[in-house]
Amino acid sequence: LSHEHLDFHGNMEEYAAAKKLLFTEHLKDDGTAVLNMDDHVSRAWAMEWKNKKVLTYGFASNAAVYPEKFALTTEGISGKIHTPSGPIGLESNLLGRHNLYNLLSAISASLAWGAP
């Protein structure tokens, strides 16, 4: 969760409650919640939801999907990503740590949808 969406929500607590509804009210029974383990709210949800399928990502190795090694350069992002299916190589022209988060999220969502 980040402060970028506070223009739609009064505060972080309201934003977190609205986001949680996406998972508690709208996630299909066979769906997978993809959560950022580096965010304290998402991490708490991952620990709380024992009755849901959860796939986590982040920079720490306690996430299911995380960068084993990476380089952020003016040319882009490169590295090796740990996944439950095994390591994958990463080469991207995207710049910055925030885009590595976006890539980790996209990889995790792809895995949740059944990508090998």
N, C-alpha and C. Protein backbone atom coordinates (compact mmCIF):
# COMPACT_ATOMS: atom_id res chain seq x y z
N LEU A 1 0.85 -1.18 0.00
CA LEU A 1 0.00 0.00 0.00
C LEU A 1 0.89 1.24 0.00
N SER A 2 0.47 2.23 -0.76
CA SER A 2 1.27 3.45 -0.82
C SER A 2 0.37 4.67 -0.74
N HIS A 3 0.96 5.79 -0.49
CA HIS A 3 0.21 7.03 -0.28
C HIS A 3 -0.35 7.62 -1.57
N GLU A 4 -0.02 7.04 -2.73
CA GLU A 4 -0.47 7.60 -4.00
C GLU A 4 -1.99 7.62 -4.16
N HIS A 5 -2.70 6.75 -3.45
CA HIS A 5 -4.14 6.64 -3.63
C HIS A 5 -4.95 7.36 -2.55
N LEU A 6 -4.31 8.19 -1.77
CA LEU A 6 -5.03 8.87 -0.70
C LEU A 6 -5.99 9.93 -1.21
N ASP A 7 -5.88 10.32 -2.49
CA ASP A 7 -6.85 11.27 -3.03
C ASP A 7 -8.23 10.63 -3.14
N PHE A 8 -8.29 9.28 -3.18
CA PHE A 8 -9.57 8.58 -3.23
C PHE A 8 -10.02 8.10 -1.86
N HIS A 9 -9.08 7.99 -0.93
CA HIS A 9 -9.37 7.49 0.41
C HIS A 9 -8.89 8.54 1.41
N GLY A 10 -9.61 8.71 2.49
CA GLY A 10 -9.29 9.76 3.44
C GLY A 10 -7.96 9.59 4.14
N ASN A 11 -7.59 8.34 4.42
CA ASN A 11 -6.34 8.07 5.13
C ASN A 11 -5.89 6.64 4.82
N MET A 12 -4.75 6.26 5.35
CA MET A 12 -4.20 4.94 5.05
C MET A 12 -5.07 3.81 5.59
N GLU A 13 -5.71 4.04 6.72
CA GLU A 13 -6.57 3.00 7.29
C GLU A 13 -7.76 2.72 6.37
N GLU A 14 -8.38 3.79 5.84
CA GLU A 14 -9.50 3.62 4.91
C GLU A 14 -9.04 2.98 3.61
N TYR A 15 -7.87 3.36 3.14
CA TYR A 15 -7.31 2.77 1.93
C TYR A 15 -7.05 1.28 2.13
N ALA A 16 -6.46 0.92 3.26
CA ALA A 16 -6.18 -0.49 3.55
C ALA A 16 -7.48 -1.29 3.65
N ALA A 17 -8.50 -0.72 4.27
CA ALA A 17 -9.78 -1.42 4.39
C ALA A 17 -10.41 -1.64 3.02
N ALA A 18 -10.33 -0.64 2.15
CA ALA A 18 -10.88 -0.77 0.79
C ALA A 18 -10.10 -1.82 0.00
N LYS A 19 -8.79 -1.81 0.11
CA LYS A 19 -7.95 -2.78 -0.60
C LYS A 19 -8.22 -4.19 -0.09
N LYS A 20 -8.40 -4.33 1.22
CA LYS A 20 -8.64 -5.66 1.80
C LYS A 20 -9.94 -6.26 1.26
N LEU A 21 -10.93 -5.41 0.99
CA LEU A 21 -12.20 -5.90 0.44
C LEU A 21 -12.00 -6.58 -0.91
N LEU A 22 -11.03 -6.13 -1.69
CA LEU A 22 -10.76 -6.79 -2.97
C LEU A 22 -10.44 -8.26 -2.76
N PHE A 23 -9.76 -8.58 -1.68
CA PHE A 23 -9.38 -9.96 -1.41
C PHE A 23 -10.44 -10.71 -0.62
N THR A 24 -11.06 -10.07 0.36
CA THR A 24 -12.00 -10.78 1.22
C THR A 24 -13.38 -10.92 0.60
N GLU A 25 -13.78 -9.98 -0.26
CA GLU A 25 -15.12 -10.02 -0.85
C GLU A 25 -15.14 -10.39 -2.32
N HIS A 26 -14.04 -10.17 -3.03
CA HIS A 26 -14.07 -10.33 -4.49
C HIS A 26 -13.14 -11.40 -5.04
N LEU A 27 -12.22 -11.89 -4.25
CA LEU A 27 -11.32 -12.95 -4.71
C LEU A 27 -12.10 -14.25 -4.80
N LYS A 28 -12.06 -14.89 -5.97
CA LYS A 28 -12.76 -16.16 -6.14
C LYS A 28 -12.18 -17.21 -5.21
N ASP A 29 -12.99 -18.21 -4.90
CA ASP A 29 -12.56 -19.25 -3.98
C ASP A 29 -11.27 -19.94 -4.43
N ASP A 30 -11.09 -20.07 -5.74
CA ASP A 30 -9.88 -20.71 -6.25
C ASP A 30 -8.81 -19.69 -6.66
N GLY A 31 -9.04 -18.42 -6.33
CA GLY A 31 -8.10 -17.36 -6.68
C GLY A 31 -6.92 -17.30 -5.73
N THR A 32 -5.92 -16.57 -6.16
CA THR A 32 -4.70 -16.40 -5.37
C THR A 32 -4.48 -14.92 -5.09
N ALA A 33 -4.29 -14.58 -3.83
CA ALA A 33 -3.94 -13.22 -3.45
C ALA A 33 -2.44 -13.03 -3.64
N VAL A 34 -2.05 -12.05 -4.45
CA VAL A 34 -0.65 -11.73 -4.68
C VAL A 34 -0.32 -10.52 -3.82
N LEU A 35 0.59 -10.70 -2.86
CA LEU A 35 0.83 -9.68 -1.84
C LEU A 35 2.32 -9.34 -1.71
N ASN A 36 2.59 -8.06 -1.47
CA ASN A 36 3.95 -7.56 -1.28
C ASN A 36 4.38 -7.76 0.17
N MET A 37 5.34 -8.64 0.40
CA MET A 37 5.80 -8.92 1.76
C MET A 37 6.60 -7.78 2.37
N ASP A 38 7.01 -6.81 1.57
CA ASP A 38 7.76 -5.68 2.11
C ASP A 38 6.83 -4.60 2.68
N ASP A 39 5.53 -4.76 2.45
CA ASP A 39 4.54 -3.83 2.99
C ASP A 39 3.95 -4.46 4.25
N HIS A 40 3.98 -3.74 5.37
CA HIS A 40 3.56 -4.34 6.64
C HIS A 40 2.10 -4.76 6.65
N VAL A 41 1.23 -4.03 5.97
CA VAL A 41 -0.19 -4.40 5.93
C VAL A 41 -0.38 -5.68 5.12
N SER A 42 0.21 -5.72 3.94
CA SER A 42 0.10 -6.92 3.09
C SER A 42 0.73 -8.13 3.78
N ARG A 43 1.83 -7.93 4.47
CA ARG A 43 2.49 -9.02 5.18
C ARG A 43 1.57 -9.57 6.27
N ALA A 44 0.87 -8.70 6.97
CA ALA A 44 -0.07 -9.15 8.00
C ALA A 44 -1.21 -9.95 7.38
N TRP A 45 -1.70 -9.50 6.22
CA TRP A 45 -2.76 -10.25 5.54
C TRP A 45 -2.26 -11.63 5.13
N ALA A 46 -1.04 -11.70 4.61
CA ALA A 46 -0.48 -12.98 4.18
C ALA A 46 -0.42 -13.96 5.35
N MET A 47 -0.09 -13.48 6.53
CA MET A 47 -0.03 -14.33 7.71
C MET A 47 -1.43 -14.69 8.23
N GLU A 48 -2.36 -13.76 8.05
CA GLU A 48 -3.72 -13.92 8.57
C GLU A 48 -4.55 -14.90 7.73
N TRP A 49 -4.37 -14.89 6.43
CA TRP A 49 -5.26 -15.63 5.53
C TRP A 49 -4.79 -17.06 5.31
N LYS A 50 -5.01 -17.89 6.29
CA LYS A 50 -4.64 -19.30 6.19
C LYS A 50 -5.59 -20.07 5.29
N ASN A 51 -6.80 -19.53 5.07
CA ASN A 51 -7.80 -20.22 4.25
C ASN A 51 -7.79 -19.76 2.79
N LYS A 52 -6.84 -18.91 2.40
CA LYS A 52 -6.73 -18.42 1.03
C LYS A 52 -5.38 -18.82 0.45
N LYS A 53 -5.37 -18.97 -0.87
CA LYS A 53 -4.08 -19.15 -1.54
C LYS A 53 -3.42 -17.78 -1.62
N VAL A 54 -2.18 -17.72 -1.19
CA VAL A 54 -1.43 -16.46 -1.18
C VAL A 54 -0.08 -16.70 -1.84
N LEU A 55 0.31 -15.79 -2.72
CA LEU A 55 1.64 -15.80 -3.32
C LEU A 55 2.27 -14.46 -3.00
N THR A 56 3.43 -14.48 -2.38
CA THR A 56 4.07 -13.24 -1.93
C THR A 56 5.28 -12.90 -2.78
N TYR A 57 5.57 -11.60 -2.84
CA TYR A 57 6.76 -11.12 -3.52
C TYR A 57 7.37 -10.00 -2.69
N GLY A 58 8.61 -9.68 -2.96
CA GLY A 58 9.29 -8.61 -2.26
C GLY A 58 10.79 -8.76 -2.41
N PHE A 59 11.52 -7.95 -1.69
CA PHE A 59 12.98 -8.00 -1.76
C PHE A 59 13.57 -8.97 -0.74
N ALA A 60 12.85 -9.30 0.29
CA ALA A 60 13.36 -10.21 1.31
C ALA A 60 13.14 -11.66 0.90
N SER A 61 14.01 -12.54 1.35
CA SER A 61 13.92 -13.94 0.96
C SER A 61 12.79 -14.69 1.64
N ASN A 62 12.03 -14.03 2.53
CA ASN A 62 10.85 -14.69 3.09
C ASN A 62 9.65 -14.59 2.16
N ALA A 63 9.80 -13.90 1.03
CA ALA A 63 8.76 -13.85 0.01
C ALA A 63 8.93 -15.05 -0.92
N ALA A 64 7.85 -15.47 -1.57
CA ALA A 64 7.93 -16.58 -2.51
C ALA A 64 8.67 -16.18 -3.78
N VAL A 65 8.53 -14.92 -4.18
CA VAL A 65 9.18 -14.39 -5.38
C VAL A 65 10.03 -13.20 -4.94
N TYR A 66 11.33 -13.28 -5.18
CA TYR A 66 12.23 -12.20 -4.77
C TYR A 66 13.47 -12.21 -5.66
N PRO A 67 14.15 -11.07 -5.78
CA PRO A 67 15.37 -11.04 -6.57
C PRO A 67 16.53 -11.68 -5.80
N GLU A 68 17.11 -12.71 -6.38
CA GLU A 68 18.29 -13.33 -5.76
C GLU A 68 19.49 -12.42 -5.93
N LYS A 69 19.58 -11.81 -7.10
CA LYS A 69 20.59 -10.78 -7.35
C LYS A 69 20.04 -9.91 -8.47
N PHE A 70 20.42 -8.64 -8.44
CA PHE A 70 19.91 -7.73 -9.46
C PHE A 70 20.83 -6.53 -9.58
N ALA A 71 20.70 -5.85 -10.71
CA ALA A 71 21.43 -4.61 -10.95
C ALA A 71 20.46 -3.59 -11.51
N LEU A 72 20.49 -2.41 -10.93
CA LEU A 72 19.71 -1.27 -11.42
C LEU A 72 20.70 -0.31 -12.05
N THR A 73 20.60 -0.11 -13.35
CA THR A 73 21.54 0.76 -14.04
C THR A 73 20.76 1.78 -14.88
N THR A 74 21.48 2.65 -15.54
CA THR A 74 20.84 3.60 -16.45
C THR A 74 20.33 2.92 -17.71
N GLU A 75 20.71 1.66 -17.90
CA GLU A 75 20.25 0.87 -19.05
C GLU A 75 18.99 0.07 -18.72
N GLY A 76 18.72 -0.12 -17.43
CA GLY A 76 17.55 -0.91 -17.04
C GLY A 76 17.82 -1.78 -15.84
N ILE A 77 17.09 -2.89 -15.79
CA ILE A 77 17.14 -3.82 -14.66
C ILE A 77 17.55 -5.18 -15.18
N SER A 78 18.47 -5.83 -14.48
CA SER A 78 18.84 -7.19 -14.83
C SER A 78 19.05 -7.98 -13.55
N GLY A 79 18.92 -9.28 -13.66
CA GLY A 79 19.16 -10.10 -12.49
C GLY A 79 18.55 -11.47 -12.59
N LYS A 80 18.48 -12.12 -11.44
CA LYS A 80 17.90 -13.45 -11.32
C LYS A 80 16.82 -13.38 -10.24
N ILE A 81 15.64 -13.89 -10.59
CA ILE A 81 14.49 -13.85 -9.69
C ILE A 81 14.20 -15.25 -9.18
N HIS A 82 14.11 -15.39 -7.86
CA HIS A 82 13.71 -16.66 -7.24
C HIS A 82 12.20 -16.77 -7.35
N THR A 83 11.71 -17.93 -7.79
CA THR A 83 10.27 -18.21 -7.79
C THR A 83 10.06 -19.62 -7.25
N PRO A 84 8.85 -19.96 -6.84
CA PRO A 84 8.58 -21.33 -6.40
C PRO A 84 8.83 -22.36 -7.51
N SER A 85 8.78 -21.92 -8.77
CA SER A 85 9.02 -22.82 -9.90
C SER A 85 10.49 -22.92 -10.27
N GLY A 86 11.33 -22.15 -9.61
CA GLY A 86 12.75 -22.11 -9.93
C GLY A 86 13.17 -20.73 -10.35
N PRO A 87 14.48 -20.48 -10.45
CA PRO A 87 14.96 -19.14 -10.79
C PRO A 87 14.69 -18.80 -12.25
N ILE A 88 14.46 -17.51 -12.50
CA ILE A 88 14.31 -17.02 -13.87
C ILE A 88 15.21 -15.80 -14.05
N GLY A 89 15.70 -15.64 -15.26
CA GLY A 89 16.51 -14.48 -15.59
C GLY A 89 15.62 -13.29 -15.89
N LEU A 90 16.13 -12.10 -15.62
CA LEU A 90 15.36 -10.88 -15.86
C LEU A 90 16.24 -9.86 -16.57
N GLU A 91 15.74 -9.35 -17.67
CA GLU A 91 16.37 -8.25 -18.41
C GLU A 91 15.25 -7.31 -18.80
N SER A 92 15.34 -6.05 -18.40
CA SER A 92 14.29 -5.08 -18.70
C SER A 92 14.91 -3.72 -18.96
N ASN A 93 14.29 -2.97 -19.84
CA ASN A 93 14.70 -1.59 -20.09
C ASN A 93 14.07 -0.62 -19.09
N LEU A 94 13.18 -1.11 -18.25
CA LEU A 94 12.57 -0.25 -17.23
C LEU A 94 13.65 0.20 -16.24
N LEU A 95 13.44 1.37 -15.67
CA LEU A 95 14.42 1.95 -14.76
C LEU A 95 13.87 2.03 -13.34
N GLY A 96 14.72 1.80 -12.37
CA GLY A 96 14.41 2.08 -10.99
C GLY A 96 13.88 0.91 -10.18
N ARG A 97 14.11 1.04 -8.87
CA ARG A 97 13.68 0.01 -7.91
C ARG A 97 12.17 -0.16 -7.94
N HIS A 98 11.42 0.93 -8.09
CA HIS A 98 9.96 0.83 -8.11
C HIS A 98 9.49 -0.04 -9.28
N ASN A 99 10.21 0.01 -10.40
CA ASN A 99 9.84 -0.85 -11.52
C ASN A 99 10.26 -2.30 -11.29
N LEU A 100 11.29 -2.53 -10.50
CA LEU A 100 11.60 -3.91 -10.12
C LEU A 100 10.45 -4.47 -9.28
N TYR A 101 9.89 -3.66 -8.39
CA TYR A 101 8.70 -4.08 -7.65
C TYR A 101 7.56 -4.41 -8.61
N ASN A 102 7.34 -3.56 -9.60
CA ASN A 102 6.29 -3.82 -10.58
C ASN A 102 6.53 -5.13 -11.32
N LEU A 103 7.79 -5.40 -11.67
CA LEU A 103 8.12 -6.65 -12.35
C LEU A 103 7.92 -7.85 -11.43
N LEU A 104 8.31 -7.73 -10.17
CA LEU A 104 8.08 -8.82 -9.22
C LEU A 104 6.59 -9.11 -9.07
N SER A 105 5.79 -8.05 -9.02
CA SER A 105 4.35 -8.20 -8.93
C SER A 105 3.79 -8.89 -10.18
N ALA A 106 4.25 -8.46 -11.35
CA ALA A 106 3.77 -9.05 -12.61
C ALA A 106 4.18 -10.52 -12.72
N ILE A 107 5.41 -10.83 -12.34
CA ILE A 107 5.86 -12.23 -12.35
C ILE A 107 5.00 -13.06 -11.41
N SER A 108 4.73 -12.52 -10.23
CA SER A 108 3.92 -13.24 -9.24
C SER A 108 2.50 -13.45 -9.75
N ALA A 109 1.91 -12.43 -10.35
CA ALA A 109 0.56 -12.57 -10.90
C ALA A 109 0.55 -13.61 -12.01
N SER A 110 1.58 -13.61 -12.85
CA SER A 110 1.67 -14.61 -13.92
C SER A 110 1.74 -16.03 -13.35
N LEU A 111 2.54 -16.20 -12.31
CA LEU A 111 2.62 -17.51 -11.66
C LEU A 111 1.28 -17.90 -11.05
N ALA A 112 0.59 -16.94 -10.45
CA ALA A 112 -0.72 -17.22 -9.85
C ALA A 112 -1.72 -17.67 -10.91
N TRP A 113 -1.56 -17.16 -12.13
CA TRP A 113 -2.44 -17.54 -13.24
C TRP A 113 -1.99 -18.83 -13.91
N GLY A 114 -0.89 -19.42 -13.45
CA GLY A 114 -0.48 -20.71 -13.97
C GLY A 114 0.70 -20.72 -14.90
N ALA A 115 1.37 -19.58 -15.07
CA ALA A 115 2.57 -19.56 -15.92
C ALA A 115 3.65 -20.44 -15.29
N PRO A 116 4.43 -21.13 -16.12
CA PRO A 116 5.48 -22.01 -15.55
C PRO A 116 6.64 -21.22 -14.97
